[in-house]
Protein backbone atom coordinates (compact mmCIF):
# COMPACT_ATOMS: atom_id res chain seq x y z
CA UNK A 1 5.00 -7.39 5.17
CA UNK A 2 5.03 -9.08 1.78
CA UNK A 3 2.05 -10.19 -0.30
CA UNK A 4 1.07 -12.39 -3.20
CA UNK A 5 -2.26 -11.60 -4.87
CA UNK A 6 -4.25 -13.88 -7.16
CA UNK A 7 -5.14 -12.98 -10.74
CA UNK A 8 -8.44 -11.23 -9.99
CA UNK A 9 -6.75 -8.60 -7.81
CA UNK A 10 -4.51 -6.78 -10.30
CA UNK A 11 -5.72 -3.28 -9.39
CA UNK A 12 -5.28 -3.96 -5.69
CA UNK A 13 -1.72 -5.19 -6.31
CA UNK A 14 -0.88 -1.86 -7.98
CA UNK A 15 -2.28 0.11 -5.04
CA UNK A 16 -0.39 -1.96 -2.48
CA UNK A 17 2.77 -1.24 -4.46
CA UNK A 18 1.92 2.48 -4.49
CA UNK A 19 1.75 2.26 -0.70
CA UNK A 20 5.23 0.71 -0.69
CA UNK A 21 4.39 -2.94 -0.02
CA UNK A 22 6.31 -5.74 -1.75
CA UNK A 23 3.45 -7.29 -3.75
CA UNK A 24 3.60 -10.13 -6.26
CA UNK A 25 0.70 -10.26 -8.73
CA UNK A 26 0.28 -13.97 -9.51
CA UNK A 27 -1.58 -14.26 -12.83
CA UNK A 28 -1.44 -18.04 -13.17
CA UNK A 29 -4.05 -20.56 -12.02
CA UNK A 30 -1.46 -22.97 -10.64
CA UNK A 31 -2.27 -22.64 -6.95
CA UNK A 32 0.40 -25.18 -5.96
CA UNK A 33 3.01 -22.88 -7.46
CA UNK A 34 1.39 -19.88 -5.73
CA UNK A 35 1.49 -21.64 -2.37
CA UNK A 36 5.13 -22.68 -2.80
CA UNK A 37 6.09 -19.11 -3.68
CA UNK A 38 4.12 -17.73 -0.72
CA UNK A 39 5.80 -20.14 1.70
CA UNK A 40 9.30 -19.75 0.23
CA UNK A 41 9.16 -15.94 0.23
CA UNK A 42 7.05 -15.63 3.40
CA UNK A 43 4.22 -13.83 1.62
CA UNK A 44 0.63 -13.45 2.73
CA UNK A 45 -1.83 -14.66 0.10
CA UNK A 46 -4.65 -12.24 -0.73
CA UNK A 47 -7.42 -13.70 -2.86
CA UNK A 48 -11.09 -13.55 -3.82
CA UNK A 49 -11.08 -17.37 -3.99
CA UNK A 50 -12.64 -18.52 -0.72
CA UNK A 51 -11.70 -22.17 -1.21
CA UNK A 52 -8.06 -21.27 -1.77
CA UNK A 53 -7.98 -19.02 1.29
CA UNK A 54 -9.45 -21.77 3.48
CA UNK A 55 -7.22 -24.59 2.26
CA UNK A 56 -3.74 -23.13 2.14
CA UNK A 57 -1.06 -23.74 4.75
CA UNK A 58 0.22 -20.17 4.35
CA UNK A 59 -1.42 -17.12 5.86
CA UNK A 60 -4.23 -15.92 3.61
CA UNK A 61 -6.78 -13.13 3.45
CA UNK A 62 -10.06 -13.75 1.65
CA UNK A 63 -11.71 -10.69 0.08
CA UNK A 64 -15.39 -10.90 -0.77
CA UNK A 65 -15.38 -7.17 -1.57
CA UNK A 66 -15.52 -6.37 -5.28
CA UNK A 67 -14.60 -2.68 -5.36
CA UNK A 68 -11.06 -1.49 -4.90
CA UNK A 69 -11.55 1.02 -2.03
CA UNK A 70 -13.32 -1.62 0.08
CA UNK A 71 -10.67 -4.23 -0.73
CA UNK A 72 -7.91 -1.84 0.26
CA UNK A 73 -9.64 -0.89 3.51
CA UNK A 74 -10.19 -4.53 4.44
CA UNK A 75 -6.58 -5.54 3.79
CA UNK A 76 -5.25 -2.58 5.78
CA UNK A 77 -7.60 -3.24 8.69
CA UNK A 78 -7.32 -7.04 8.70
CA UNK A 79 -3.52 -7.00 8.60
CA UNK A 80 -3.17 -3.87 10.72
CA UNK A 81 -0.98 -2.26 8.05
CA UNK A 82 0.77 0.99 8.78
CA UNK A 83 0.94 3.37 5.84
CA UNK A 84 4.31 5.12 5.96
CA UNK A 85 4.68 8.31 3.94
CA UNK A 86 8.35 7.63 3.21
CA UNK A 87 7.52 4.23 1.66
CA UNK A 88 4.75 5.48 -0.61
CA UNK A 89 5.76 5.67 -4.28
CA UNK A 90 8.89 3.61 -3.60
CA UNK A 91 8.05 0.58 -5.77
CA UNK A 92 7.39 0.12 -9.46
CA UNK A 93 3.66 -0.43 -9.96
CA UNK A 94 4.40 -2.65 -12.97
CA UNK A 95 7.12 -5.03 -11.78
CA UNK A 96 7.30 -4.42 -8.01
CA UNK A 97 11.02 -3.55 -7.84
CA UNK A 98 12.23 -0.84 -5.46
CA UNK A 99 12.72 2.43 -7.33
CA UNK A 100 16.13 4.07 -7.51
CA UNK A 101 16.97 7.75 -7.79
CA UNK A 102 18.21 8.81 -11.20
CA UNK A 103 19.86 12.05 -12.28
CA UNK A 104 17.59 14.49 -14.05
CA UNK A 105 19.87 14.70 -17.10
CA UNK A 106 19.53 10.95 -17.69
CA UNK A 107 15.74 11.15 -18.18
CA UNK A 108 15.58 14.13 -20.54
CA UNK A 109 14.67 12.05 -23.59
CA UNK A 110 12.40 9.72 -21.60
CA UNK A 111 9.87 12.10 -20.07
CA UNK A 112 7.62 14.79 -21.54
CA UNK A 113 9.34 18.14 -22.04
CA UNK A 114 7.04 19.90 -19.55
CA UNK A 115 7.82 17.30 -16.90
CA UNK A 116 11.54 17.70 -17.47
CA UNK A 117 11.27 21.48 -17.11
CA UNK A 118 9.07 21.47 -14.00
CA UNK A 119 10.38 18.50 -11.99
CA UNK A 120 13.71 18.02 -10.26
CA UNK A 121 13.43 14.58 -8.70
CA UNK A 122 13.14 11.38 -10.70
CA UNK A 123 13.09 7.69 -9.84
CA UNK A 124 13.62 4.72 -12.14
CA UNK A 125 12.70 1.07 -11.96
CA UNK A 126 15.93 -0.94 -12.32
CA UNK A 127 14.06 -3.74 -14.07
CA UNK A 128 11.60 -2.22 -16.56
CA UNK A 129 13.29 1.23 -16.70
CA UNK A 130 10.00 3.08 -16.20
CA UNK A 131 10.59 6.63 -14.91
CA UNK A 132 8.59 8.14 -12.03
CA UNK A 133 8.39 11.69 -10.67
CA UNK A 134 6.35 13.42 -7.94
CA UNK A 135 3.81 15.14 -10.18
CA UNK A 136 0.20 16.06 -9.56
CA UNK A 137 -0.79 12.40 -9.90
CA UNK A 138 0.85 11.74 -6.52
CA UNK A 139 -1.52 14.23 -4.89
CA UNK A 140 -4.45 12.67 -6.78
CA UNK A 141 -3.46 9.26 -5.41
CA UNK A 142 -3.29 10.64 -1.86
CA UNK A 143 -6.76 12.16 -2.29
CA UNK A 144 -8.12 8.86 -3.61
CA UNK A 145 -6.65 7.08 -0.58
CA UNK A 146 -8.24 9.61 1.77
CA UNK A 147 -11.62 9.12 0.08
CA UNK A 148 -11.22 5.37 0.55
CA UNK A 149 -10.59 5.96 4.25
CA UNK A 150 -6.89 5.12 4.02
CA UNK A 151 -4.79 7.55 6.01
């Protein structure tokens, strides 16, 4: 399932990417362009704009919820999303590209020294070149998801 989120849902877009979902964060106010992109790429629109959600020809989810955990729960329940462990942490939270494995030696100058010493597995975004690794923040994210009722 692929999504396109409107400008007021930036934090939610990051969390959907963390869960492994292909998620475009549309920051513009040009809803015609948003709709064309949603239709062309077969994306579900997620928005806090009720009028937009009611008027579009594409599939849309309206979120009245203001806090992130409630938004995430509603999207997962409404769309019957399955959270797959092997897809979590597979996309760049900044630019949405699928991450690629990278050799440890190639990140030595790009990560903190402690991280380089203690981690073996690294991933890189092919677009923005951001480096990711399975540190304690991954466990913190899992705990935050559990607290939000996302299993």
